[in-house]
């Protein structure tokens, strides 16, 4: 009987090990379906401790429904083949495992009102996408904010009360702070400060359009 139990235990261990290998291989297969320029970022994204994004024109990929994502890729110019649209859509949905990954990642999204009004597809798809945002925002590790349209663009140093803001720092920052900065998303602006002077140093306030331009420039 002991031999039987050991055999079963050994088989179970092999099955568990094989499952882990298959999961890793599946992640690699999914990443291969992404556009080539995005693959390295996807590897980093899958391992983040926290992630912040500002999206002025489209709902961010991590929050998109299948129908919305498919419409985005179908609108590519020059047009993509149906096979490529399918591959990119599957890969985008696979990235969304980050929302519930263990350990949980702290995720913050600022989506502009214009992005929600941008008619990527017909009304039913857009309603489904807005419902998806409501569902995801209920997750305890996810924060979704909508930036109202028509805000003034400004960039200035401010000394306003920072209570209530959630500050995010690069997962590559060491415990000593180094030369890193921290970023927090407010209702009408993005705030930046030196991580070494947290709580006591100057804070830079950047208007949403200015921040979007900065992110686009650094992303290349």
N, C-alpha and C. Protein backbone atom coordinates (compact mmCIF):
# COMPACT_ATOMS: atom_id res chain seq x y z
N UNK A 1 0.84 -1.20 0.00
CA UNK A 1 0.00 0.00 0.00
C UNK A 1 0.87 1.25 0.00
N UNK A 2 1.96 1.21 0.77
CA UNK A 2 2.87 2.34 0.84
C UNK A 2 3.45 2.64 -0.53
N UNK A 3 3.82 1.57 -1.26
CA UNK A 3 4.39 1.74 -2.59
C UNK A 3 3.39 2.40 -3.53
N UNK A 4 2.12 2.00 -3.41
CA UNK A 4 1.08 2.57 -4.25
C UNK A 4 0.93 4.06 -3.98
N UNK A 5 0.91 4.44 -2.66
CA UNK A 5 0.77 5.84 -2.31
C UNK A 5 1.94 6.66 -2.83
N UNK A 6 3.15 6.12 -2.72
CA UNK A 6 4.33 6.82 -3.20
C UNK A 6 4.27 7.00 -4.70
N UNK A 7 3.78 5.97 -5.41
CA UNK A 7 3.67 6.06 -6.87
C UNK A 7 2.68 7.13 -7.26
N UNK A 8 1.53 7.13 -6.58
CA UNK A 8 0.52 8.15 -6.87
C UNK A 8 1.04 9.54 -6.57
N UNK A 9 1.76 9.66 -5.44
CA UNK A 9 2.32 10.95 -5.06
C UNK A 9 3.33 11.42 -6.10
N UNK A 10 4.15 10.48 -6.58
CA UNK A 10 5.13 10.83 -7.60
C UNK A 10 4.48 11.29 -8.89
N UNK A 11 3.41 10.59 -9.27
CA UNK A 11 2.69 10.97 -10.49
C UNK A 11 2.07 12.34 -10.34
N UNK A 12 1.51 12.62 -9.15
CA UNK A 12 0.88 13.91 -8.91
C UNK A 12 1.91 15.04 -9.00
N UNK A 13 3.10 14.78 -8.47
CA UNK A 13 4.16 15.79 -8.52
C UNK A 13 4.56 16.08 -9.96
N UNK A 14 4.64 15.01 -10.77
CA UNK A 14 5.02 15.19 -12.17
C UNK A 14 3.95 15.96 -12.93
N UNK A 15 2.68 15.66 -12.62
CA UNK A 15 1.59 16.37 -13.28
C UNK A 15 1.62 17.85 -12.91
N UNK A 16 1.86 18.14 -11.62
CA UNK A 16 1.93 19.53 -11.16
C UNK A 16 3.08 20.26 -11.82
N UNK A 17 4.24 19.58 -11.89
CA UNK A 17 5.41 20.17 -12.53
C UNK A 17 5.14 20.44 -14.01
N UNK A 18 4.52 19.47 -14.67
CA UNK A 18 4.20 19.64 -16.09
C UNK A 18 3.23 20.78 -16.30
N UNK A 19 2.28 20.93 -15.37
CA UNK A 19 1.33 22.03 -15.48
C UNK A 19 2.01 23.38 -15.40
N UNK A 20 3.01 23.49 -14.51
CA UNK A 20 3.75 24.75 -14.41
C UNK A 20 4.52 25.06 -15.67
N UNK A 21 5.12 24.04 -16.25
CA UNK A 21 5.87 24.22 -17.50
C UNK A 21 4.93 24.65 -18.62
N UNK A 22 3.78 24.00 -18.70
CA UNK A 22 2.81 24.34 -19.75
C UNK A 22 2.31 25.77 -19.59
N UNK A 23 2.12 26.20 -18.33
CA UNK A 23 1.66 27.57 -18.09
C UNK A 23 2.68 28.58 -18.58
N UNK A 24 3.96 28.32 -18.30
CA UNK A 24 5.03 29.21 -18.77
C UNK A 24 5.07 29.24 -20.28
N UNK A 25 4.98 28.05 -20.91
CA UNK A 25 5.01 27.98 -22.36
C UNK A 25 3.81 28.72 -22.96
N UNK A 26 2.64 28.61 -22.31
CA UNK A 26 1.45 29.30 -22.82
C UNK A 26 1.64 30.81 -22.78
N UNK A 27 2.28 31.31 -21.71
CA UNK A 27 2.56 32.75 -21.61
C UNK A 27 3.45 33.19 -22.77
N UNK A 28 4.46 32.36 -23.11
CA UNK A 28 5.36 32.71 -24.21
C UNK A 28 4.62 32.69 -25.54
N UNK A 29 3.72 31.73 -25.70
CA UNK A 29 2.92 31.66 -26.93
C UNK A 29 2.04 32.90 -27.05
N UNK A 30 1.44 33.31 -25.94
CA UNK A 30 0.57 34.49 -25.96
C UNK A 30 1.37 35.74 -26.29
N UNK A 31 2.57 35.87 -25.72
CA UNK A 31 3.39 37.06 -26.01
C UNK A 31 3.82 37.10 -27.46
N UNK A 32 4.03 35.94 -28.06
CA UNK A 32 4.43 35.89 -29.47
C UNK A 32 3.34 36.44 -30.38
N UNK A 33 2.11 36.50 -29.89
CA UNK A 33 1.00 37.02 -30.69
C UNK A 33 0.92 38.55 -30.62
N UNK A 34 1.68 39.15 -29.71
CA UNK A 34 1.68 40.60 -29.58
C UNK A 34 2.52 41.23 -30.69
N UNK A 35 2.27 42.52 -30.98
CA UNK A 35 3.17 43.22 -31.91
C UNK A 35 4.60 43.15 -31.41
N UNK A 36 5.54 43.02 -32.31
CA UNK A 36 6.94 42.79 -31.92
C UNK A 36 7.47 43.88 -30.98
N UNK A 37 7.11 45.14 -31.25
CA UNK A 37 7.66 46.24 -30.45
C UNK A 37 7.18 46.20 -29.00
N UNK A 38 6.09 45.47 -28.73
CA UNK A 38 5.47 45.49 -27.41
C UNK A 38 5.88 44.29 -26.55
N UNK A 39 6.56 43.33 -27.10
CA UNK A 39 6.79 42.07 -26.39
C UNK A 39 7.67 42.23 -25.15
N UNK A 40 8.73 43.01 -25.24
CA UNK A 40 9.60 43.19 -24.08
C UNK A 40 8.86 43.89 -22.95
N UNK A 41 8.03 44.87 -23.30
CA UNK A 41 7.23 45.55 -22.28
C UNK A 41 6.27 44.58 -21.60
N UNK A 42 5.70 43.66 -22.37
CA UNK A 42 4.75 42.70 -21.81
C UNK A 42 5.42 41.79 -20.78
N UNK A 43 6.68 41.45 -21.00
CA UNK A 43 7.42 40.63 -20.04
C UNK A 43 7.57 41.39 -18.72
N UNK A 44 7.95 42.67 -18.81
CA UNK A 44 8.10 43.50 -17.61
C UNK A 44 6.76 43.70 -16.92
N UNK A 45 5.73 43.97 -17.72
CA UNK A 45 4.40 44.23 -17.17
C UNK A 45 3.90 43.06 -16.35
N UNK A 46 4.17 41.85 -16.79
CA UNK A 46 3.65 40.66 -16.11
C UNK A 46 4.24 40.48 -14.71
N UNK A 47 5.34 41.19 -14.40
CA UNK A 47 6.02 41.00 -13.12
C UNK A 47 5.98 42.24 -12.23
N UNK A 48 5.23 43.27 -12.62
CA UNK A 48 5.26 44.53 -11.87
C UNK A 48 4.64 44.39 -10.49
N UNK A 49 5.10 45.26 -9.58
CA UNK A 49 4.50 45.39 -8.26
C UNK A 49 3.37 46.40 -8.32
N UNK A 50 3.57 47.46 -9.09
CA UNK A 50 2.54 48.46 -9.30
C UNK A 50 2.65 49.00 -10.72
N UNK A 51 1.54 49.49 -11.23
CA UNK A 51 1.51 50.00 -12.61
C UNK A 51 0.55 51.17 -12.69
N UNK A 52 1.01 52.25 -13.32
CA UNK A 52 0.19 53.45 -13.50
C UNK A 52 0.12 53.79 -14.97
N UNK A 53 -1.05 54.19 -15.47
CA UNK A 53 -1.15 54.61 -16.86
C UNK A 53 -2.15 55.72 -17.03
N UNK A 54 -1.90 56.55 -18.02
CA UNK A 54 -2.85 57.59 -18.42
C UNK A 54 -3.17 57.38 -19.89
N UNK A 55 -4.43 57.27 -20.24
CA UNK A 55 -4.83 56.97 -21.61
C UNK A 55 -5.82 58.02 -22.09
N UNK A 56 -5.38 58.92 -22.99
CA UNK A 56 -6.23 60.02 -23.42
C UNK A 56 -7.19 59.70 -24.56
N UNK A 57 -6.92 58.65 -25.34
CA UNK A 57 -7.70 58.41 -26.55
C UNK A 57 -8.47 57.10 -26.55
N UNK A 58 -7.91 56.06 -25.92
CA UNK A 58 -8.54 54.74 -25.92
C UNK A 58 -8.56 54.17 -24.51
N UNK A 59 -9.49 53.28 -24.25
CA UNK A 59 -9.49 52.52 -23.00
C UNK A 59 -8.22 51.67 -22.97
N UNK A 60 -7.48 51.65 -21.86
CA UNK A 60 -6.24 50.87 -21.81
C UNK A 60 -6.47 49.39 -22.07
N UNK A 61 -5.49 48.75 -22.70
CA UNK A 61 -5.62 47.36 -23.11
C UNK A 61 -5.97 46.41 -21.97
N UNK A 62 -5.44 46.67 -20.77
CA UNK A 62 -5.72 45.78 -19.64
C UNK A 62 -7.18 45.81 -19.22
N UNK A 63 -7.93 46.82 -19.67
CA UNK A 63 -9.32 46.96 -19.26
C UNK A 63 -10.30 46.73 -20.41
N UNK A 64 -9.79 46.42 -21.59
CA UNK A 64 -10.66 46.30 -22.76
C UNK A 64 -11.43 44.99 -22.78
N UNK A 65 -12.66 45.06 -23.29
CA UNK A 65 -13.42 43.84 -23.56
C UNK A 65 -12.89 43.23 -24.86
N UNK A 66 -13.26 41.99 -25.11
CA UNK A 66 -12.83 41.35 -26.35
C UNK A 66 -13.36 42.10 -27.57
N UNK A 67 -14.63 42.52 -27.51
CA UNK A 67 -15.23 43.21 -28.66
C UNK A 67 -14.54 44.55 -28.92
N UNK A 68 -14.23 45.27 -27.85
CA UNK A 68 -13.57 46.57 -27.99
C UNK A 68 -12.16 46.39 -28.56
N UNK A 69 -11.41 45.43 -28.00
CA UNK A 69 -10.05 45.18 -28.47
C UNK A 69 -10.05 44.77 -29.94
N UNK A 70 -10.98 43.92 -30.31
CA UNK A 70 -11.05 43.47 -31.71
C UNK A 70 -11.35 44.65 -32.64
N UNK A 71 -12.22 45.56 -32.20
CA UNK A 71 -12.54 46.73 -33.01
C UNK A 71 -11.32 47.65 -33.17
N UNK A 72 -10.53 47.78 -32.12
CA UNK A 72 -9.31 48.60 -32.19
C UNK A 72 -8.35 48.04 -33.23
N UNK A 73 -8.11 46.74 -33.17
CA UNK A 73 -7.18 46.13 -34.12
C UNK A 73 -7.76 46.10 -35.54
N UNK A 74 -9.07 45.95 -35.65
CA UNK A 74 -9.70 45.93 -36.97
C UNK A 74 -9.61 47.29 -37.64
N UNK A 75 -9.46 48.35 -36.84
CA UNK A 75 -9.35 49.69 -37.41
C UNK A 75 -7.93 50.10 -37.73
N UNK A 76 -6.99 49.17 -37.63
CA UNK A 76 -5.58 49.48 -37.90
C UNK A 76 -5.39 49.91 -39.35
N UNK A 77 -4.49 50.86 -39.56
CA UNK A 77 -4.15 51.30 -40.93
C UNK A 77 -2.64 51.20 -41.11
N UNK A 78 -2.18 50.39 -42.09
CA UNK A 78 -2.96 49.62 -43.06
C UNK A 78 -3.69 48.45 -42.39
N UNK A 79 -4.75 47.95 -43.02
CA UNK A 79 -5.57 46.90 -42.40
C UNK A 79 -4.76 45.63 -42.10
N UNK A 80 -5.09 45.02 -40.96
CA UNK A 80 -4.47 43.75 -40.58
C UNK A 80 -5.34 42.60 -41.07
N UNK A 81 -4.72 41.46 -41.31
CA UNK A 81 -5.48 40.28 -41.71
C UNK A 81 -6.32 39.80 -40.54
N UNK A 82 -7.35 39.04 -40.83
CA UNK A 82 -8.21 38.51 -39.77
C UNK A 82 -7.40 37.66 -38.79
N UNK A 83 -6.44 36.92 -39.30
CA UNK A 83 -5.61 36.08 -38.44
C UNK A 83 -4.81 36.92 -37.46
N UNK A 84 -4.22 38.02 -37.93
CA UNK A 84 -3.44 38.88 -37.06
C UNK A 84 -4.34 39.58 -36.04
N UNK A 85 -5.51 40.02 -36.48
CA UNK A 85 -6.46 40.63 -35.55
C UNK A 85 -6.82 39.65 -34.43
N UNK A 86 -7.07 38.40 -34.80
CA UNK A 86 -7.38 37.36 -33.81
C UNK A 86 -6.21 37.17 -32.84
N UNK A 87 -4.99 37.10 -33.37
CA UNK A 87 -3.81 36.88 -32.53
C UNK A 87 -3.60 38.02 -31.56
N UNK A 88 -3.67 39.26 -32.06
CA UNK A 88 -3.46 40.41 -31.20
C UNK A 88 -4.55 40.51 -30.13
N UNK A 89 -5.78 40.19 -30.50
CA UNK A 89 -6.87 40.25 -29.54
C UNK A 89 -6.68 39.21 -28.44
N UNK A 90 -6.34 37.99 -28.80
CA UNK A 90 -6.10 36.93 -27.81
C UNK A 90 -4.96 37.32 -26.87
N UNK A 91 -3.89 37.89 -27.43
CA UNK A 91 -2.74 38.27 -26.61
C UNK A 91 -3.11 39.39 -25.65
N UNK A 92 -3.91 40.33 -26.11
CA UNK A 92 -4.31 41.44 -25.24
C UNK A 92 -5.15 40.93 -24.07
N UNK A 93 -6.07 40.03 -24.34
CA UNK A 93 -6.89 39.47 -23.27
C UNK A 93 -6.05 38.65 -22.30
N UNK A 94 -5.03 37.98 -22.81
CA UNK A 94 -4.15 37.20 -21.94
C UNK A 94 -3.39 38.09 -20.97
N UNK A 95 -3.03 39.30 -21.40
CA UNK A 95 -2.33 40.24 -20.51
C UNK A 95 -3.17 40.58 -19.30
N UNK A 96 -4.47 40.47 -19.42
CA UNK A 96 -5.36 40.88 -18.34
C UNK A 96 -5.32 39.95 -17.13
N UNK A 97 -4.56 38.86 -17.24
CA UNK A 97 -4.35 38.01 -16.07
C UNK A 97 -3.67 38.79 -14.95
N UNK A 98 -3.00 39.88 -15.31
CA UNK A 98 -2.34 40.72 -14.31
C UNK A 98 -3.33 41.28 -13.30
N UNK A 99 -4.58 41.48 -13.70
CA UNK A 99 -5.58 42.07 -12.81
C UNK A 99 -5.81 41.21 -11.57
N UNK A 100 -5.68 39.89 -11.73
CA UNK A 100 -5.95 38.97 -10.61
C UNK A 100 -4.74 38.13 -10.24
N UNK A 101 -3.58 38.50 -10.75
CA UNK A 101 -2.36 37.73 -10.47
C UNK A 101 -2.06 37.71 -8.98
N UNK A 102 -1.50 36.62 -8.51
CA UNK A 102 -1.06 36.48 -7.13
C UNK A 102 0.46 36.37 -7.12
N UNK A 103 1.15 37.27 -6.36
CA UNK A 103 0.61 38.32 -5.50
C UNK A 103 0.00 39.45 -6.31
N UNK A 104 -0.99 40.12 -5.72
CA UNK A 104 -1.69 41.18 -6.42
C UNK A 104 -0.77 42.35 -6.76
N UNK A 105 -0.96 42.91 -7.94
CA UNK A 105 -0.26 44.13 -8.32
C UNK A 105 -1.18 45.32 -8.07
N UNK A 106 -0.60 46.45 -7.66
CA UNK A 106 -1.39 47.66 -7.44
C UNK A 106 -1.49 48.39 -8.77
N UNK A 107 -2.70 48.53 -9.29
CA UNK A 107 -2.90 49.06 -10.64
C UNK A 107 -3.76 50.31 -10.61
N UNK A 108 -3.29 51.36 -11.27
CA UNK A 108 -4.03 52.61 -11.32
C UNK A 108 -4.15 53.08 -12.77
N UNK A 109 -5.38 53.41 -13.17
CA UNK A 109 -5.63 53.85 -14.54
C UNK A 109 -6.36 55.19 -14.53
N UNK A 110 -5.86 56.12 -15.32
CA UNK A 110 -6.60 57.36 -15.58
C UNK A 110 -7.03 57.30 -17.04
N UNK A 111 -8.33 57.34 -17.26
CA UNK A 111 -8.89 57.27 -18.61
C UNK A 111 -9.60 58.59 -18.88
N UNK A 112 -9.29 59.21 -19.99
CA UNK A 112 -9.92 60.49 -20.29
C UNK A 112 -11.38 60.28 -20.71
N UNK A 113 -12.18 61.30 -20.47
CA UNK A 113 -13.57 61.26 -20.90
C UNK A 113 -13.67 61.07 -22.42
N UNK A 114 -12.71 61.68 -23.14
CA UNK A 114 -12.69 61.55 -24.60
C UNK A 114 -12.55 60.09 -25.03
N UNK A 115 -11.75 59.32 -24.27
CA UNK A 115 -11.57 57.90 -24.60
C UNK A 115 -12.89 57.15 -24.49
N UNK A 116 -13.70 57.50 -23.49
CA UNK A 116 -14.98 56.81 -23.31
C UNK A 116 -16.00 57.23 -24.36
N UNK A 117 -15.83 58.44 -24.90
CA UNK A 117 -16.75 58.94 -25.92
C UNK A 117 -16.29 58.58 -27.34
N UNK A 118 -15.05 58.16 -27.48
CA UNK A 118 -14.50 57.82 -28.79
C UNK A 118 -15.23 56.59 -29.34
N UNK A 119 -15.99 56.73 -30.43
CA UNK A 119 -16.80 55.62 -30.94
C UNK A 119 -15.97 54.57 -31.68
N UNK A 120 -15.25 53.76 -30.93
CA UNK A 120 -14.42 52.71 -31.51
C UNK A 120 -15.28 51.71 -32.30
N UNK A 121 -16.48 51.44 -31.79
CA UNK A 121 -17.40 50.52 -32.46
C UNK A 121 -18.82 50.98 -32.15
N UNK A 122 -19.81 50.16 -32.49
CA UNK A 122 -21.20 50.55 -32.31
C UNK A 122 -21.58 50.64 -30.83
N UNK A 123 -22.77 51.17 -30.56
CA UNK A 123 -23.18 51.51 -29.20
C UNK A 123 -23.15 50.32 -28.24
N UNK A 124 -23.52 49.15 -28.71
CA UNK A 124 -23.56 47.97 -27.83
C UNK A 124 -22.17 47.63 -27.31
N UNK A 125 -21.17 47.72 -28.18
CA UNK A 125 -19.79 47.45 -27.77
C UNK A 125 -19.33 48.48 -26.75
N UNK A 126 -19.67 49.74 -26.98
CA UNK A 126 -19.26 50.80 -26.06
C UNK A 126 -19.95 50.65 -24.70
N UNK A 127 -21.20 50.26 -24.69
CA UNK A 127 -21.89 50.02 -23.42
C UNK A 127 -21.24 48.88 -22.66
N UNK A 128 -20.89 47.81 -23.39
CA UNK A 128 -20.21 46.68 -22.75
C UNK A 128 -18.87 47.08 -22.18
N UNK A 129 -18.16 47.98 -22.87
CA UNK A 129 -16.86 48.42 -22.39
C UNK A 129 -17.00 49.27 -21.11
N UNK A 130 -17.99 50.13 -21.08
CA UNK A 130 -18.20 50.94 -19.87
C UNK A 130 -18.59 50.06 -18.68
N UNK A 131 -19.38 49.03 -18.94
CA UNK A 131 -19.75 48.09 -17.88
C UNK A 131 -18.52 47.35 -17.37
N UNK A 132 -17.63 47.01 -18.28
CA UNK A 132 -16.39 46.33 -17.89
C UNK A 132 -15.55 47.22 -16.96
N UNK A 133 -15.48 48.50 -17.25
CA UNK A 133 -14.74 49.42 -16.39
C UNK A 133 -15.31 49.44 -14.98
N UNK A 134 -16.64 49.43 -14.87
CA UNK A 134 -17.27 49.41 -13.56
C UNK A 134 -16.92 48.13 -12.80
N UNK A 135 -16.92 47.01 -13.49
CA UNK A 135 -16.61 45.73 -12.85
C UNK A 135 -15.17 45.68 -12.37
N UNK A 136 -14.25 46.12 -13.22
CA UNK A 136 -12.83 46.06 -12.86
C UNK A 136 -12.52 47.03 -11.72
N UNK A 137 -13.15 48.20 -11.74
CA UNK A 137 -12.87 49.20 -10.70
C UNK A 137 -13.30 48.73 -9.31
N UNK A 138 -14.13 47.67 -9.25
CA UNK A 138 -14.55 47.13 -7.96
C UNK A 138 -13.49 46.23 -7.34
N UNK A 139 -12.47 45.84 -8.11
CA UNK A 139 -11.38 45.01 -7.56
C UNK A 139 -10.57 45.84 -6.58
N UNK A 140 -10.15 45.26 -5.49
CA UNK A 140 -9.51 46.03 -4.43
C UNK A 140 -8.10 46.49 -4.78
N UNK A 141 -7.50 45.90 -5.80
CA UNK A 141 -6.16 46.31 -6.20
C UNK A 141 -6.16 47.19 -7.44
N UNK A 142 -7.35 47.58 -7.90
CA UNK A 142 -7.45 48.36 -9.14
C UNK A 142 -8.17 49.67 -8.86
N UNK A 143 -7.57 50.76 -9.35
CA UNK A 143 -8.19 52.08 -9.25
C UNK A 143 -8.38 52.62 -10.66
N UNK A 144 -9.61 53.00 -11.00
CA UNK A 144 -9.92 53.57 -12.31
C UNK A 144 -10.52 54.96 -12.10
N UNK A 145 -9.88 55.97 -12.69
CA UNK A 145 -10.38 57.33 -12.62
C UNK A 145 -10.66 57.84 -14.03
N UNK A 146 -11.73 58.60 -14.16
CA UNK A 146 -12.06 59.21 -15.45
C UNK A 146 -11.72 60.69 -15.39
N UNK A 147 -10.88 61.16 -16.32
CA UNK A 147 -10.47 62.55 -16.37
C UNK A 147 -11.49 63.33 -17.20
N UNK A 148 -12.20 64.29 -16.57
CA UNK A 148 -13.21 65.05 -17.32
C UNK A 148 -12.60 65.83 -18.48
N UNK A 149 -13.38 66.03 -19.52
CA UNK A 149 -12.91 66.80 -20.68
C UNK A 149 -12.87 68.28 -20.34
N UNK A 150 -12.01 69.03 -21.08
CA UNK A 150 -12.00 70.48 -20.97
C UNK A 150 -11.16 71.04 -19.86
N UNK A 151 -10.30 70.24 -19.22
CA UNK A 151 -9.43 70.76 -18.17
C UNK A 151 -8.32 71.61 -18.77
N UNK A 152 -7.88 72.63 -18.03
CA UNK A 152 -6.78 73.47 -18.49
C UNK A 152 -5.48 72.72 -18.39
N UNK A 153 -4.56 72.98 -19.33
CA UNK A 153 -3.23 72.38 -19.31
C UNK A 153 -2.32 73.28 -18.49
N UNK A 154 -1.65 72.73 -17.52
CA UNK A 154 -0.75 73.55 -16.70
C UNK A 154 0.37 72.69 -16.15
N UNK A 155 1.50 73.35 -15.87
CA UNK A 155 2.62 72.66 -15.24
C UNK A 155 3.24 73.65 -14.25
N UNK A 156 3.17 73.36 -12.99
CA UNK A 156 3.70 74.28 -11.99
C UNK A 156 4.04 73.52 -10.73
N UNK A 157 4.92 74.12 -9.92
CA UNK A 157 5.25 73.54 -8.64
C UNK A 157 4.15 73.92 -7.65
N UNK A 158 3.69 72.96 -6.88
CA UNK A 158 2.59 73.25 -5.97
C UNK A 158 2.93 72.78 -4.58
N UNK A 159 2.25 73.33 -3.58
CA UNK A 159 2.44 72.91 -2.20
C UNK A 159 1.08 72.56 -1.60
N UNK A 160 0.18 72.02 -2.45
CA UNK A 160 -1.16 71.67 -1.98
C UNK A 160 -1.10 70.46 -1.06
N UNK A 161 -2.17 70.24 -0.33
CA UNK A 161 -2.26 69.10 0.57
C UNK A 161 -2.28 67.82 -0.25
N UNK A 162 -1.36 66.93 0.00
CA UNK A 162 -1.24 65.70 -0.78
C UNK A 162 -1.98 64.52 -0.14
N UNK A 163 -2.73 64.77 0.92
CA UNK A 163 -3.43 63.69 1.60
C UNK A 163 -4.39 63.00 0.64
N UNK A 164 -4.44 61.69 0.70
CA UNK A 164 -5.38 60.94 -0.12
C UNK A 164 -4.83 60.47 -1.45
N UNK A 165 -3.67 60.98 -1.86
CA UNK A 165 -3.08 60.53 -3.12
C UNK A 165 -2.35 59.22 -2.92
N UNK A 166 -2.38 58.37 -3.94
CA UNK A 166 -1.66 57.09 -3.90
C UNK A 166 -0.41 57.24 -4.77
N UNK A 167 0.75 57.18 -4.14
CA UNK A 167 2.00 57.39 -4.85
C UNK A 167 2.56 56.07 -5.35
N UNK A 168 3.08 56.07 -6.57
CA UNK A 168 3.63 54.87 -7.19
C UNK A 168 5.09 55.10 -7.53
N UNK A 169 5.90 54.07 -7.23
CA UNK A 169 7.33 54.15 -7.52
C UNK A 169 7.73 52.95 -8.34
N UNK A 170 8.73 53.09 -9.18
CA UNK A 170 9.19 51.99 -10.01
C UNK A 170 9.52 50.77 -9.17
N UNK A 171 9.14 49.59 -9.66
CA UNK A 171 9.44 48.35 -8.94
C UNK A 171 10.94 48.06 -8.91
N UNK A 172 11.72 48.82 -9.71
CA UNK A 172 13.16 48.63 -9.73
C UNK A 172 13.87 49.53 -8.71
N UNK A 173 13.11 50.37 -8.00
CA UNK A 173 13.70 51.25 -7.02
C UNK A 173 14.17 50.45 -5.82
N UNK A 174 15.34 50.79 -5.31
CA UNK A 174 15.85 50.14 -4.12
C UNK A 174 15.26 50.77 -2.87
N UNK A 175 15.51 50.19 -1.69
CA UNK A 175 14.96 50.73 -0.45
C UNK A 175 15.50 52.11 -0.11
N UNK A 176 16.66 52.47 -0.68
CA UNK A 176 17.25 53.78 -0.39
C UNK A 176 16.69 54.90 -1.22
N UNK A 177 15.84 54.61 -2.18
CA UNK A 177 15.25 55.67 -2.99
C UNK A 177 16.00 55.94 -4.26
N UNK A 178 17.33 56.08 -4.18
CA UNK A 178 18.12 56.33 -5.37
C UNK A 178 17.74 57.63 -6.04
N UNK A 179 17.77 57.63 -7.36
CA UNK A 179 17.42 58.82 -8.13
C UNK A 179 16.03 58.69 -8.76
N UNK A 180 15.14 57.99 -8.11
CA UNK A 180 13.83 57.72 -8.67
C UNK A 180 12.81 58.79 -8.29
N UNK A 181 11.73 58.82 -9.03
CA UNK A 181 10.63 59.71 -8.71
C UNK A 181 9.39 58.87 -8.43
N UNK A 182 8.44 59.50 -7.75
CA UNK A 182 7.16 58.87 -7.48
C UNK A 182 6.07 59.67 -8.19
N UNK A 183 5.01 58.98 -8.59
CA UNK A 183 3.93 59.60 -9.35
C UNK A 183 2.60 59.28 -8.68
N UNK A 184 1.72 60.28 -8.64
CA UNK A 184 0.38 60.08 -8.10
C UNK A 184 -0.63 60.70 -9.06
N UNK A 185 -1.77 60.05 -9.20
CA UNK A 185 -2.82 60.54 -10.10
C UNK A 185 -3.88 61.27 -9.30
N UNK A 186 -4.06 62.55 -9.57
CA UNK A 186 -5.12 63.34 -8.96
C UNK A 186 -6.31 63.44 -9.88
N UNK A 187 -7.33 64.16 -9.46
CA UNK A 187 -8.53 64.27 -10.27
C UNK A 187 -8.31 65.08 -11.54
N UNK A 188 -7.44 66.10 -11.46
CA UNK A 188 -7.26 66.97 -12.62
C UNK A 188 -5.81 67.10 -13.05
N UNK A 189 -4.92 66.32 -12.46
CA UNK A 189 -3.51 66.43 -12.81
C UNK A 189 -2.75 65.20 -12.32
N UNK A 190 -1.51 65.11 -12.76
CA UNK A 190 -0.59 64.06 -12.29
C UNK A 190 0.50 64.76 -11.47
N UNK A 191 0.83 64.19 -10.33
CA UNK A 191 1.80 64.79 -9.43
C UNK A 191 3.08 63.96 -9.41
N UNK A 192 4.22 64.66 -9.38
CA UNK A 192 5.53 64.00 -9.42
C UNK A 192 6.39 64.57 -8.29
N UNK A 193 7.10 63.69 -7.60
CA UNK A 193 8.00 64.15 -6.54
C UNK A 193 9.23 63.26 -6.47
N UNK A 194 10.27 63.76 -5.85
CA UNK A 194 11.50 63.00 -5.63
C UNK A 194 11.23 61.97 -4.54
N UNK A 195 11.55 60.71 -4.80
CA UNK A 195 11.26 59.66 -3.82
C UNK A 195 12.06 59.83 -2.53
N UNK A 196 13.22 60.53 -2.60
CA UNK A 196 14.04 60.72 -1.40
C UNK A 196 13.46 61.81 -0.50
N UNK A 197 12.59 62.66 -1.08
CA UNK A 197 12.04 63.77 -0.31
C UNK A 197 10.55 63.60 -0.08
N UNK A 198 10.11 62.35 -0.10
CA UNK A 198 8.67 62.08 0.03
C UNK A 198 8.12 62.68 1.31
N UNK A 199 7.06 63.47 1.17
CA UNK A 199 6.41 64.04 2.33
C UNK A 199 6.95 65.39 2.75
N UNK A 200 8.14 65.77 2.23
CA UNK A 200 8.71 67.04 2.69
C UNK A 200 9.28 67.91 1.60
N UNK A 201 9.35 67.40 0.38
CA UNK A 201 9.95 68.15 -0.71
C UNK A 201 8.92 68.75 -1.64
N UNK A 202 9.40 69.46 -2.69
CA UNK A 202 8.50 70.07 -3.65
C UNK A 202 7.78 69.01 -4.50
N UNK A 203 6.63 69.37 -5.00
CA UNK A 203 5.82 68.47 -5.83
C UNK A 203 5.52 69.19 -7.14
N UNK A 204 5.71 68.50 -8.23
CA UNK A 204 5.43 69.05 -9.55
C UNK A 204 4.04 68.61 -9.99
N UNK A 205 3.22 69.58 -10.41
CA UNK A 205 1.87 69.30 -10.90
C UNK A 205 1.87 69.42 -12.42
N UNK A 206 1.47 68.33 -13.10
CA UNK A 206 1.50 68.31 -14.57
C UNK A 206 0.08 68.10 -15.08
N UNK A 207 -0.36 68.97 -15.97
CA UNK A 207 -1.67 68.82 -16.59
C UNK A 207 -1.76 67.52 -17.36
N UNK A 208 -2.96 67.01 -17.54
CA UNK A 208 -3.14 65.68 -18.14
C UNK A 208 -2.59 65.60 -19.56
N UNK A 209 -2.78 66.66 -20.37
CA UNK A 209 -2.27 66.63 -21.74
C UNK A 209 -0.74 66.68 -21.76
N UNK A 210 -0.18 67.48 -20.85
CA UNK A 210 1.27 67.54 -20.76
C UNK A 210 1.87 66.21 -20.34
N UNK A 211 1.21 65.53 -19.38
CA UNK A 211 1.70 64.22 -18.94
C UNK A 211 1.59 63.20 -20.07
N UNK A 212 0.49 63.24 -20.81
CA UNK A 212 0.32 62.30 -21.92
C UNK A 212 1.41 62.50 -22.97
N UNK A 213 1.75 63.76 -23.24
CA UNK A 213 2.80 64.04 -24.22
C UNK A 213 4.15 63.54 -23.72
N UNK A 214 4.40 63.71 -22.41
CA UNK A 214 5.65 63.24 -21.82
C UNK A 214 5.77 61.71 -21.91
N UNK A 215 4.69 61.01 -21.58
CA UNK A 215 4.70 59.55 -21.63
C UNK A 215 4.91 59.06 -23.06
N UNK A 216 4.24 59.73 -24.01
CA UNK A 216 4.40 59.33 -25.41
C UNK A 216 5.84 59.54 -25.88
N UNK A 217 6.46 60.63 -25.43
CA UNK A 217 7.86 60.91 -25.83
C UNK A 217 8.82 59.89 -25.26
N UNK A 218 8.66 59.55 -23.96
CA UNK A 218 9.57 58.59 -23.33
C UNK A 218 9.37 57.18 -23.86
N UNK A 219 8.16 56.88 -24.32
CA UNK A 219 7.89 55.54 -24.87
C UNK A 219 8.48 55.37 -26.25
N UNK A 220 8.96 56.45 -26.83
CA UNK A 220 9.58 56.36 -28.15
C UNK A 220 8.58 56.31 -29.25
